[in-house]
């Protein structure tokens, strides 16, 4: 009977190790997936930010060529600059989330 108890204890202990390791692997995988998602979203935000900077630069060049120096007071330029600020805040949010996930992964 002792042999069966030992086998049962070994199997129970093995299952416990499998659960613990499986859970750990699952959490690491989910963290990696979250990091990939945030990196992808941050990349989209950076692309959008680059497009807005390009648009703003083109407007400034056109204004200088026309010698129109009151371009900063125009509503569309102000709106573009506000979009840039909003997107910068969003980009910072993604950076913080990625840092948090990295810290989680280390711990």
PDB file of N, CA and C in Angstrom:
ATOM      1  N   UNK A   1       0.812  -1.194   0.000  1.00  0.00           N
ATOM      2  CA  UNK A   1       0.000   0.000   0.000  1.00  0.00           C
ATOM      3  C   UNK A   1       0.861   1.266   0.000  1.00  0.00           C
ATOM      4  N   UNK A   2       2.023   1.224   0.629  1.00  0.00           N
ATOM      5  CA  UNK A   2       2.912   2.377   0.667  1.00  0.00           C
ATOM      6  C   UNK A   2       3.362   2.783  -0.727  1.00  0.00           C
ATOM      7  N   UNK A   3       3.548   1.822  -1.619  1.00  0.00           N
ATOM      8  CA  UNK A   3       3.974   2.119  -2.988  1.00  0.00           C
ATOM      9  C   UNK A   3       2.895   2.946  -3.700  1.00  0.00           C
ATOM     10  N   UNK A   4       1.631   2.559  -3.506  1.00  0.00           N
ATOM     11  CA  UNK A   4       0.534   3.290  -4.145  1.00  0.00           C
ATOM     12  C   UNK A   4       0.410   4.713  -3.595  1.00  0.00           C
ATOM     13  N   UNK A   5       0.603   4.847  -2.291  1.00  0.00           N
ATOM     14  CA  UNK A   5       0.564   6.194  -1.694  1.00  0.00           C
ATOM     15  C   UNK A   5       1.691   7.062  -2.227  1.00  0.00           C
ATOM     16  N   UNK A   6       2.867   6.503  -2.338  1.00  0.00           N
ATOM     17  CA  UNK A   6       4.017   7.243  -2.863  1.00  0.00           C
ATOM     18  C   UNK A   6       3.756   7.668  -4.304  1.00  0.00           C
ATOM     19  N   UNK A   7       3.219   6.757  -5.101  1.00  0.00           N
ATOM     20  CA  UNK A   7       2.887   7.075  -6.498  1.00  0.00           C
ATOM     21  C   UNK A   7       1.830   8.181  -6.540  1.00  0.00           C
ATOM     22  N   UNK A   8       0.808   8.045  -5.685  1.00  0.00           N
ATOM     23  CA  UNK A   8      -0.256   9.055  -5.652  1.00  0.00           C
ATOM     24  C   UNK A   8       0.309  10.417  -5.235  1.00  0.00           C
ATOM     25  N   UNK A   9       1.170  10.452  -4.229  1.00  0.00           N
ATOM     26  CA  UNK A   9       1.793  11.706  -3.788  1.00  0.00           C
ATOM     27  C   UNK A   9       2.661  12.304  -4.891  1.00  0.00           C
ATOM     28  N   UNK A  10       3.433  11.451  -5.577  1.00  0.00           N
ATOM     29  CA  UNK A  10       4.285  11.929  -6.660  1.00  0.00           C
ATOM     30  C   UNK A  10       3.456  12.512  -7.803  1.00  0.00           C
ATOM     31  N   UNK A  11       2.372  11.833  -8.144  1.00  0.00           N
ATOM     32  CA  UNK A  11       1.495  12.323  -9.214  1.00  0.00           C
ATOM     33  C   UNK A  11       0.847  13.646  -8.803  1.00  0.00           C
ATOM     34  N   UNK A  12       0.378  13.724  -7.571  1.00  0.00           N
ATOM     35  CA  UNK A  12      -0.246  14.952  -7.081  1.00  0.00           C
ATOM     36  C   UNK A  12       0.762  16.105  -7.096  1.00  0.00           C
ATOM     37  N   UNK A  13       1.971  15.827  -6.641  1.00  0.00           N
ATOM     38  CA  UNK A  13       3.016  16.845  -6.639  1.00  0.00           C
ATOM     39  C   UNK A  13       3.374  17.266  -8.065  1.00  0.00           C
ATOM     40  N   UNK A  14       3.439  16.312  -8.985  1.00  0.00           N
ATOM     41  CA  UNK A  14       3.726  16.608 -10.388  1.00  0.00           C
ATOM     42  C   UNK A  14       2.659  17.489 -11.008  1.00  0.00           C
ATOM     43  N   UNK A  15       1.413  17.185 -10.716  1.00  0.00           N
ATOM     44  CA  UNK A  15       0.294  17.995 -11.237  1.00  0.00           C
ATOM     45  C   UNK A  15       0.366  19.407 -10.669  1.00  0.00           C
ATOM     46  N   UNK A  16       0.715  19.522  -9.401  1.00  0.00           N
ATOM     47  CA  UNK A  16       0.846  20.834  -8.774  1.00  0.00           C
ATOM     48  C   UNK A  16       1.943  21.655  -9.460  1.00  0.00           C
ATOM     49  N   UNK A  17       3.066  21.033  -9.753  1.00  0.00           N
ATOM     50  CA  UNK A  17       4.163  21.721 -10.450  1.00  0.00           C
ATOM     51  C   UNK A  17       3.715  22.138 -11.843  1.00  0.00           C
ATOM     52  N   UNK A  18       3.012  21.264 -12.542  1.00  0.00           N
ATOM     53  CA  UNK A  18       2.510  21.583 -13.889  1.00  0.00           C
ATOM     54  C   UNK A  18       1.564  22.775 -13.850  1.00  0.00           C
ATOM     55  N   UNK A  19       0.682  22.805 -12.887  1.00  0.00           N
ATOM     56  CA  UNK A  19      -0.253  23.934 -12.762  1.00  0.00           C
ATOM     57  C   UNK A  19       0.504  25.242 -12.531  1.00  0.00           C
ATOM     58  N   UNK A  20       1.441  25.196 -11.583  1.00  0.00           N
ATOM     59  CA  UNK A  20       2.189  26.397 -11.233  1.00  0.00           C
ATOM     60  C   UNK A  20       2.998  26.899 -12.435  1.00  0.00           C
ATOM     61  N   UNK A  21       3.698  26.008 -13.091  1.00  0.00           N
ATOM     62  CA  UNK A  21       4.502  26.386 -14.256  1.00  0.00           C
ATOM     63  C   UNK A  21       3.624  26.814 -15.426  1.00  0.00           C
ATOM     64  N   UNK A  22       2.510  26.131 -15.609  1.00  0.00           N
ATOM     65  CA  UNK A  22       1.572  26.489 -16.683  1.00  0.00           C
ATOM     66  C   UNK A  22       0.991  27.870 -16.474  1.00  0.00           C
ATOM     67  N   UNK A  23       0.631  28.175 -15.239  1.00  0.00           N
ATOM     68  CA  UNK A  23       0.097  29.498 -14.919  1.00  0.00           C
ATOM     69  C   UNK A  23       1.155  30.566 -15.142  1.00  0.00           C
ATOM     70  N   UNK A  24       2.372  30.298 -14.711  1.00  0.00           N
ATOM     71  CA  UNK A  24       3.463  31.250 -14.900  1.00  0.00           C
ATOM     72  C   UNK A  24       3.711  31.501 -16.387  1.00  0.00           C
ATOM     73  N   UNK A  25       3.751  30.449 -17.163  1.00  0.00           N
ATOM     74  CA  UNK A  25       3.961  30.582 -18.613  1.00  0.00           C
ATOM     75  C   UNK A  25       2.815  31.349 -19.263  1.00  0.00           C
ATOM     76  N   UNK A  26       1.589  31.070 -18.831  1.00  0.00           N
ATOM     77  CA  UNK A  26       0.423  31.773 -19.363  1.00  0.00           C
ATOM     78  C   UNK A  26       0.519  33.268 -19.076  1.00  0.00           C
ATOM     79  N   UNK A  27       0.876  33.630 -17.832  1.00  0.00           N
ATOM     80  CA  UNK A  27       0.983  35.050 -17.469  1.00  0.00           C
ATOM     81  C   UNK A  27       2.091  35.745 -18.248  1.00  0.00           C
ATOM     82  N   UNK A  28       3.225  35.065 -18.452  1.00  0.00           N
ATOM     83  CA  UNK A  28       4.303  35.650 -19.241  1.00  0.00           C
ATOM     84  C   UNK A  28       3.856  35.861 -20.683  1.00  0.00           C
ATOM     85  N   UNK A  29       3.137  34.901 -21.234  1.00  0.00           N
ATOM     86  CA  UNK A  29       2.656  35.005 -22.612  1.00  0.00           C
ATOM     87  C   UNK A  29       1.670  36.164 -22.748  1.00  0.00           C
ATOM     88  N   UNK A  30       0.774  36.301 -21.787  1.00  0.00           N
ATOM     89  CA  UNK A  30      -0.201  37.396 -21.829  1.00  0.00           C
ATOM     90  C   UNK A  30       0.503  38.753 -21.721  1.00  0.00           C
ATOM     91  N   UNK A  31       1.529  38.832 -20.882  1.00  0.00           N
ATOM     92  CA  UNK A  31       2.286  40.073 -20.750  1.00  0.00           C
ATOM     93  C   UNK A  31       2.967  40.419 -22.066  1.00  0.00           C
ATOM     94  N   UNK A  32       3.572  39.412 -22.702  1.00  0.00           N
ATOM     95  CA  UNK A  32       4.223  39.640 -24.000  1.00  0.00           C
ATOM     96  C   UNK A  32       3.210  40.104 -25.048  1.00  0.00           C
ATOM     97  N   UNK A  33       2.026  39.493 -25.050  1.00  0.00           N
ATOM     98  CA  UNK A  33       0.993  39.888 -26.010  1.00  0.00           C
ATOM     99  C   UNK A  33       0.544  41.323 -25.761  1.00  0.00           C
ATOM    100  N   UNK A  34       0.392  41.684 -24.488  1.00  0.00           N
ATOM    101  CA  UNK A  34       0.021  43.062 -24.155  1.00  0.00           C
ATOM    102  C   UNK A  34       1.095  44.037 -24.608  1.00  0.00           C
ATOM    103  N   UNK A  35       2.354  43.668 -24.409  1.00  0.00           N
ATOM    104  CA  UNK A  35       3.449  44.536 -24.835  1.00  0.00           C
ATOM    105  C   UNK A  35       3.447  44.712 -26.353  1.00  0.00           C
ATOM    106  N   UNK A  36       3.207  43.641 -27.073  1.00  0.00           N
ATOM    107  CA  UNK A  36       3.144  43.743 -28.540  1.00  0.00           C
ATOM    108  C   UNK A  36       2.009  44.656 -28.978  1.00  0.00           C
ATOM    109  N   UNK A  37       0.865  44.511 -28.319  1.00  0.00           N
ATOM    110  CA  UNK A  37      -0.289  45.355 -28.656  1.00  0.00           C
ATOM    111  C   UNK A  37       0.034  46.826 -28.397  1.00  0.00           C
ATOM    112  N   UNK A  38       0.630  47.122 -27.238  1.00  0.00           N
ATOM    113  CA  UNK A  38       0.972  48.509 -26.925  1.00  0.00           C
ATOM    114  C   UNK A  38       2.029  49.049 -27.878  1.00  0.00           C
ATOM    115  N   UNK A  39       2.994  48.213 -28.257  1.00  0.00           N
ATOM    116  CA  UNK A  39       4.010  48.672 -29.215  1.00  0.00           C
ATOM    117  C   UNK A  39       3.376  48.988 -30.562  1.00  0.00           C
ATOM    118  N   UNK A  40       2.450  48.131 -30.983  1.00  0.00           N
ATOM    119  CA  UNK A  40       1.762  48.362 -32.260  1.00  0.00           C
ATOM    120  C   UNK A  40       0.952  49.651 -32.200  1.00  0.00           C
ATOM    121  N   UNK A  41       0.198  49.831 -31.115  1.00  0.00           N
ATOM    122  CA  UNK A  41      -0.597  51.049 -30.965  1.00  0.00           C
ATOM    123  C   UNK A  41       0.297  52.288 -30.882  1.00  0.00           C
ATOM    124  N   UNK A  42       1.411  52.181 -30.177  1.00  0.00           N
ATOM    125  CA  UNK A  42       2.346  53.306 -30.072  1.00  0.00           C
ATOM    126  C   UNK A  42       2.934  53.635 -31.440  1.00  0.00           C
ATOM    127  N   UNK A  43       3.180  52.604 -32.235  1.00  0.00           N
ATOM    128  CA  UNK A  43       3.700  52.816 -33.588  1.00  0.00           C
ATOM    129  C   UNK A  43       2.687  53.570 -34.446  1.00  0.00           C
ATOM    130  N   UNK A  44       1.417  53.202 -34.328  1.00  0.00           N
ATOM    131  CA  UNK A  44       0.373  53.911 -35.076  1.00  0.00           C
ATOM    132  C   UNK A  44       0.299  55.371 -34.643  1.00  0.00           C
ATOM    133  N   UNK A  45       0.418  55.610 -33.351  1.00  0.00           N
ATOM    134  CA  UNK A  45       0.366  56.981 -32.827  1.00  0.00           C
ATOM    135  C   UNK A  45       1.553  57.779 -33.347  1.00  0.00           C
ATOM    136  N   UNK A  46       2.738  57.174 -33.360  1.00  0.00           N
ATOM    137  CA  UNK A  46       3.921  57.873 -33.863  1.00  0.00           C
ATOM    138  C   UNK A  46       3.789  58.188 -35.349  1.00  0.00           C
ATOM    139  N   UNK A  47       3.205  57.279 -36.109  1.00  0.00           N
ATOM    140  CA  UNK A  47       2.975  57.528 -37.532  1.00  0.00           C
ATOM    141  C   UNK A  47       2.025  58.703 -37.725  1.00  0.00           C
ATOM    142  N   UNK A  48       0.949  58.719 -36.960  1.00  0.00           N
ATOM    143  CA  UNK A  48      -0.013  59.819 -37.038  1.00  0.00           C
ATOM    144  C   UNK A  48       0.648  61.140 -36.651  1.00  0.00           C
ATOM    145  N   UNK A  49       1.482  61.106 -35.624  1.00  0.00           N
ATOM    146  CA  UNK A  49       2.190  62.300 -35.187  1.00  0.00           C
ATOM    147  C   UNK A  49       3.116  62.808 -36.292  1.00  0.00           C
ATOM    148  N   UNK A  50       3.813  61.914 -36.943  1.00  0.00           N
ATOM    149  CA  UNK A  50       4.702  62.302 -38.049  1.00  0.00           C
ATOM    150  C   UNK A  50       3.921  62.946 -39.187  1.00  0.00           C
ATOM    151  N   UNK A  51       2.756  62.390 -39.482  1.00  0.00           N
ATOM    152  CA  UNK A  51       1.915  62.948 -40.550  1.00  0.00           C
ATOM    153  C   UNK A  51       1.467  64.360 -40.198  1.00  0.00           C
ATOM    154  N   UNK A  52       1.101  64.572 -38.937  1.00  0.00           N
ATOM    155  CA  UNK A  52       0.664  65.908 -38.519  1.00  0.00           C
ATOM    156  C   UNK A  52       1.819  66.914 -38.574  1.00  0.00           C
ATOM    157  N   UNK A  53       3.011  66.487 -38.151  1.00  0.00           N
ATOM    158  CA  UNK A  53       4.171  67.376 -38.245  1.00  0.00           C
ATOM    159  C   UNK A  53       4.468  67.729 -39.701  1.00  0.00           C
ATOM    160  N   UNK A  54       4.343  66.746 -40.571  1.00  0.00           N
ATOM    161  CA  UNK A  54       4.583  66.996 -41.998  1.00  0.00           C
ATOM    162  C   UNK A  54       3.559  67.993 -42.542  1.00  0.00           C
ATOM    163  N   UNK A  55       2.298  67.778 -42.178  1.00  0.00           N
ATOM    164  CA  UNK A  55       1.239  68.693 -42.624  1.00  0.00           C
ATOM    165  C   UNK A  55       1.501  70.120 -42.128  1.00  0.00           C
ATOM    166  N   UNK A  56       1.889  70.234 -40.883  1.00  0.00           N
ATOM    167  CA  UNK A  56       2.165  71.549 -40.303  1.00  0.00           C
ATOM    168  C   UNK A  56       3.359  72.203 -41.002  1.00  0.00           C
ATOM    169  N   UNK A  57       4.388  71.420 -41.262  1.00  0.00           N
ATOM    170  CA  UNK A  57       5.568  71.941 -41.959  1.00  0.00           C
ATOM    171  C   UNK A  57       5.231  72.433 -43.352  1.00  0.00           C
ATOM    172  N   UNK A  58       4.407  71.676 -44.059  1.00  0.00           N
ATOM    173  CA  UNK A  58       4.007  72.080 -45.412  1.00  0.00           C
ATOM    174  C   UNK A  58       3.232  73.391 -45.378  1.00  0.00           C
ATOM    175  N   UNK A  59       2.369  73.539 -44.374  1.00  0.00           N
ATOM    176  CA  UNK A  59       1.614  74.790 -44.252  1.00  0.00           C
ATOM    177  C   UNK A  59       2.538  75.974 -43.974  1.00  0.00           C
ATOM    178  N   UNK A  60       3.518  75.773 -43.133  1.00  0.00           N
ATOM    179  CA  UNK A  60       4.460  76.848 -42.840  1.00  0.00           C
ATOM    180  C   UNK A  60       5.269  77.225 -44.076  1.00  0.00           C
ATOM    181  N   UNK A  61       5.711  76.226 -44.817  1.00  0.00           N
ATOM    182  CA  UNK A  61       6.487  76.514 -46.031  1.00  0.00           C
ATOM    183  C   UNK A  61       5.640  77.305 -47.024  1.00  0.00           C
ATOM    184  N   UNK A  62       4.396  76.869 -47.217  1.00  0.00           N
ATOM    185  CA  UNK A  62       3.504  77.589 -48.131  1.00  0.00           C
ATOM    186  C   UNK A  62       3.293  79.019 -47.657  1.00  0.00           C
ATOM    187  N   UNK A  63       3.129  79.205 -46.350  1.00  0.00           N
ATOM    188  CA  UNK A  63       2.896  80.545 -45.806  1.00  0.00           C
ATOM    189  C   UNK A  63       4.120  81.434 -46.000  1.00  0.00           C
ATOM    190  N   UNK A  64       5.304  80.886 -45.802  1.00  0.00           N
ATOM    191  CA  UNK A  64       6.530  81.673 -45.985  1.00  0.00           C
ATOM    192  C   UNK A  64       6.688  82.049 -47.449  1.00  0.00           C
ATOM    193  N   UNK A  65       6.390  81.119 -48.346  1.00  0.00           N
ATOM    194  CA  UNK A  65       6.491  81.410 -49.777  1.00  0.00           C
ATOM    195  C   UNK A  65       5.530  82.519 -50.180  1.00  0.00           C
ATOM    196  N   UNK A  66       4.362  82.572 -49.536  1.00  0.00           N
ATOM    197  CA  UNK A  66       3.383  83.619 -49.845  1.00  0.00           C
ATOM    198  C   UNK A  66       3.592  84.874 -49.002  1.00  0.00           C
ATOM    199  N   UNK A  67       4.592  84.808 -48.133  1.00  0.00           N
ATOM    200  CA  UNK A  67       4.881  85.900 -47.192  1.00  0.00           C
ATOM    201  C   UNK A  67       3.670  86.207 -46.320  1.00  0.00           C
ATOM    202  N   UNK A  68       3.034  85.129 -45.885  1.00  0.00           N
ATOM    203  CA  UNK A  68       1.863  85.221 -45.018  1.00  0.00           C
ATOM    204  C   UNK A  68       2.310  84.833 -43.612  1.00  0.00           C
ATOM    205  N   UNK A  69       2.651  85.839 -42.814  1.00  0.00           N
ATOM    206  CA  UNK A  69       3.283  85.562 -41.522  1.00  0.00           C
ATOM    207  C   UNK A  69       2.301  85.437 -40.360  1.00  0.00           C
ATOM    208  N   UNK A  70       1.038  85.558 -40.613  1.00  0.00           N
ATOM    209  CA  UNK A  70       0.066  85.384 -39.529  1.00  0.00           C
ATOM    210  C   UNK A  70      -0.547  83.987 -39.537  1.00  0.00           C
ATOM    211  N   UNK A  71       0.208  83.017 -40.024  1.00  0.00           N
ATOM    212  CA  UNK A  71      -0.295  81.648 -40.138  1.00  0.00           C
ATOM    213  C   UNK A  71      -0.580  81.014 -38.769  1.00  0.00           C
ATOM    214  N   UNK A  72       0.178  81.416 -37.750  1.00  0.00           N
ATOM    215  CA  UNK A  72      -0.026  80.834 -36.424  1.00  0.00           C
ATOM    216  C   UNK A  72      -1.378  81.192 -35.821  1.00  0.00           C
ATOM    217  N   UNK A  73      -2.000  82.239 -36.317  1.00  0.00           N
ATOM    218  CA  UNK A  73      -3.285  82.651 -35.775  1.00  0.00           C
ATOM    219  C   UNK A  73      -4.459  81.969 -36.478  1.00  0.00           C
ATOM    220  N   UNK A  74      -4.189  81.190 -37.501  1.00  0.00           N
ATOM    221  CA  UNK A  74      -5.274  80.531 -38.249  1.00  0.00           C
ATOM    222  C   UNK A  74      -5.830  79.341 -37.469  1.00  0.00           C
ATOM    223  N   UNK A  75      -7.125  79.142 -37.599  1.00  0.00           N
ATOM    224  CA  UNK A  75      -7.823  78.091 -36.847  1.00  0.00           C
ATOM    225  C   UNK A  75      -7.329  76.692 -37.210  1.00  0.00           C
ATOM    226  N   UNK A  76      -7.094  76.440 -38.510  1.00  0.00           N
ATOM    227  CA  UNK A  76      -6.676  75.084 -38.895  1.00  0.00           C
ATOM    228  C   UNK A  76      -5.284  74.741 -38.375  1.00  0.00           C
ATOM    229  N   UNK A  77      -4.407  75.738 -38.290  1.00  0.00           N
ATOM    230  CA  UNK A  77      -3.063  75.514 -37.744  1.00  0.00           C
ATOM    231  C   UNK A  77      -3.157  75.271 -36.240  1.00  0.00           C
ATOM    232  N   UNK A  78      -3.974  76.055 -35.577  1.00  0.00           N
ATOM    233  CA  UNK A  78      -4.176  75.847 -34.140  1.00  0.00           C
ATOM    234  C   UNK A  78      -4.765  74.471 -33.870  1.00  0.00           C
ATOM    235  N   UNK A  79      -5.719  74.053 -34.699  1.00  0.00           N
ATOM    236  CA  UNK A  79      -6.328  72.735 -34.525  1.00  0.00           C
ATOM    237  C   UNK A  79      -5.295  71.627 -34.722  1.00  0.00           C
ATOM    238  N   UNK A  80      -4.425  71.774 -35.717  1.00  0.00           N
ATOM    239  CA  UNK A  80      -3.379  70.781 -35.952  1.00  0.00           C
ATOM    240  C   UNK A  80      -2.418  70.726 -34.773  1.00  0.00           C
ATOM    241  N   UNK A  81      -2.061  71.868 -34.236  1.00  0.00           N
ATOM    242  CA  UNK A  81      -1.155  71.901 -33.092  1.00  0.00           C
ATOM    243  C   UNK A  81      -1.804  71.272 -31.858  1.00  0.00           C
ATOM    244  N   UNK A  82      -3.099  71.473 -31.682  1.00  0.00           N
ATOM    245  CA  UNK A  82      -3.807  70.842 -30.575  1.00  0.00           C
ATOM    246  C   UNK A  82      -3.848  69.326 -30.747  1.00  0.00           C
ATOM    247  N   UNK A  83      -4.047  68.859 -31.993  1.00  0.00           N
ATOM    248  CA  UNK A  83      -4.018  67.419 -32.262  1.00  0.00           C
ATOM    249  C   UNK A  83      -2.656  66.835 -31.913  1.00  0.00           C
ATOM    250  N   UNK A  84      -1.609  67.565 -32.265  1.00  0.00           N
ATOM    251  CA  UNK A  84      -0.248  67.105 -31.963  1.00  0.00           C
ATOM    252  C   UNK A  84      -0.065  66.947 -30.454  1.00  0.00           C
ATOM    253  N   UNK A  85      -0.512  67.924 -29.700  1.00  0.00           N
ATOM    254  CA  UNK A  85      -0.383  67.845 -28.238  1.00  0.00           C
ATOM    255  C   UNK A  85      -1.176  66.670 -27.674  1.00  0.00           C
ATOM    256  N   UNK A  86      -2.369  66.445 -28.196  1.00  0.00           N
ATOM    257  CA  UNK A  86      -3.195  65.323 -27.746  1.00  0.00           C
ATOM    258  C   UNK A  86      -2.513  64.000 -28.048  1.00  0.00           C
ATOM    259  N   UNK A  87      -1.966  63.892 -29.234  1.00  0.00           N
ATOM    260  CA  UNK A  87      -1.305  62.646 -29.631  1.00  0.00           C
ATOM    261  C   UNK A  87      -0.025  62.434 -28.829  1.00  0.00           C
ATOM    262  N   UNK A  88       0.674  63.505 -28.487  1.00  0.00           N
ATOM    263  CA  UNK A  88       1.865  63.376 -27.643  1.00  0.00           C
ATOM    264  C   UNK A  88       1.491  62.809 -26.277  1.00  0.00           C
ATOM    265  N   UNK A  89       0.367  63.251 -25.732  1.00  0.00           N
ATOM    266  CA  UNK A  89      -0.085  62.720 -24.444  1.00  0.00           C
ATOM    267  C   UNK A  89      -0.443  61.244 -24.575  1.00  0.00           C
ATOM    268  N   UNK A  90      -1.085  60.885 -25.669  1.00  0.00           N
ATOM    269  CA  UNK A  90      -1.431  59.485 -25.911  1.00  0.00           C
ATOM    270  C   UNK A  90      -0.166  58.637 -26.046  1.00  0.00           C
ATOM    271  N   UNK A  91       0.821  59.161 -26.734  1.00  0.00           N
ATOM    272  CA  UNK A  91       2.092  58.462 -26.895  1.00  0.00           C
ATOM    273  C   UNK A  91       2.758  58.234 -25.534  1.00  0.00           C
ATOM    274  N   UNK A  92       2.706  59.228 -24.677  1.00  0.00           N
ATOM    275  CA  UNK A  92       3.283  59.104 -23.336  1.00  0.00           C
ATOM    276  C   UNK A  92       2.545  58.031 -22.525  1.00  0.00           C
ATOM    277  N   UNK A  93       1.236  57.962 -22.711  1.00  0.00           N
ATOM    278  CA  UNK A  93       0.439  56.940 -22.021  1.00  0.00           C
ATOM    279  C   UNK A  93       0.904  55.541 -22.433  1.00  0.00           C
ATOM    280  N   UNK A  94       1.130  55.337 -23.733  1.00  0.00           N
ATOM    281  CA  UNK A  94       1.607  54.038 -24.204  1.00  0.00           C
ATOM    282  C   UNK A  94       2.997  53.730 -23.651  1.00  0.00           C
ATOM    283  N   UNK A  95       3.840  54.739 -23.592  1.00  0.00           N
ATOM    284  CA  UNK A  95       5.189  54.537 -23.038  1.00  0.00           C
ATOM    285  C   UNK A  95       5.125  54.074 -21.588  1.00  0.00           C
ATOM    286  N   UNK A  96       4.263  54.722 -20.818  1.00  0.00           N
ATOM    287  CA  UNK A  96       4.116  54.348 -19.400  1.00  0.00           C
ATOM    288  C   UNK A  96       3.578  52.935 -19.263  1.00  0.00           C
ATOM    289  N   UNK A  97       2.597  52.581 -20.080  1.00  0.00           N
ATOM    290  CA  UNK A  97       2.036  51.223 -20.028  1.00  0.00           C
ATOM    291  C   UNK A  97       3.097  50.180 -20.361  1.00  0.00           C
ATOM    292  N   UNK A  98       3.911  50.467 -21.371  1.00  0.00           N
ATOM    293  CA  UNK A  98       4.989  49.542 -21.728  1.00  0.00           C
ATOM    294  C   UNK A  98       6.001  49.420 -20.598  1.00  0.00           C
ATOM    295  N   UNK A  99       6.327  50.526 -19.952  1.00  0.00           N
ATOM    296  CA  UNK A  99       7.243  50.471 -18.813  1.00  0.00           C
ATOM    297  C   UNK A  99       6.663  49.636 -17.679  1.00  0.00           C
ATOM    298  N   UNK A 100       5.373  49.812 -17.418  1.00  0.00           N
ATOM    299  CA  UNK A 100       4.713  49.013 -16.383  1.00  0.00           C
ATOM    300  C   UNK A 100       4.747  47.533 -16.710  1.00  0.00           C
ATOM    301  N   UNK A 101       4.499  47.196 -17.970  1.00  0.00           N
ATOM    302  CA  UNK A 101       4.532  45.789 -18.376  1.00  0.00           C
ATOM    303  C   UNK A 101       5.948  45.219 -18.275  1.00  0.00           C
ATOM    304  N   UNK A 102       6.938  46.017 -18.612  1.00  0.00           N
ATOM    305  CA  UNK A 102       8.328  45.555 -18.471  1.00  0.00           C
ATOM    306  C   UNK A 102       8.657  45.286 -17.011  1.00  0.00           C
ATOM    307  N   UNK A 103       8.199  46.181 -16.129  1.00  0.00           N
ATOM    308  CA  UNK A 103       8.435  45.980 -14.702  1.00  0.00           C
ATOM    309  C   UNK A 103       7.735  44.717 -14.208  1.00  0.00           C
ATOM    310  N   UNK A 104       6.523  44.485 -14.682  1.00  0.00           N
ATOM    311  CA  UNK A 104       5.791  43.273 -14.335  1.00  0.00           C
ATOM    312  C   UNK A 104       6.543  42.028 -14.780  1.00  0.00           C
ATOM    313  N   UNK A 105       7.104  42.107 -15.965  1.00  0.00           N
ATOM    314  CA  UNK A 105       7.796  40.974 -16.533  1.00  0.00           C
ATOM    315  C   UNK A 105       9.067  40.655 -15.736  1.00  0.00           C
ATOM    316  N   UNK A 106       9.730  41.692 -15.235  1.00  0.00           N
ATOM    317  CA  UNK A 106      10.936  41.478 -14.459  1.00  0.00           C
ATOM    318  C   UNK A 106      10.628  40.862 -13.100  1.00  0.00           C
ATOM    319  N   UNK A 107       9.491  41.270 -12.546  1.00  0.00           N
ATOM    320  CA  UNK A 107       9.141  40.847 -11.183  1.00  0.00           C
ATOM    321  C   UNK A 107       8.562  39.489 -11.094  1.00  0.00           C
TER     322      UNK A 107
END
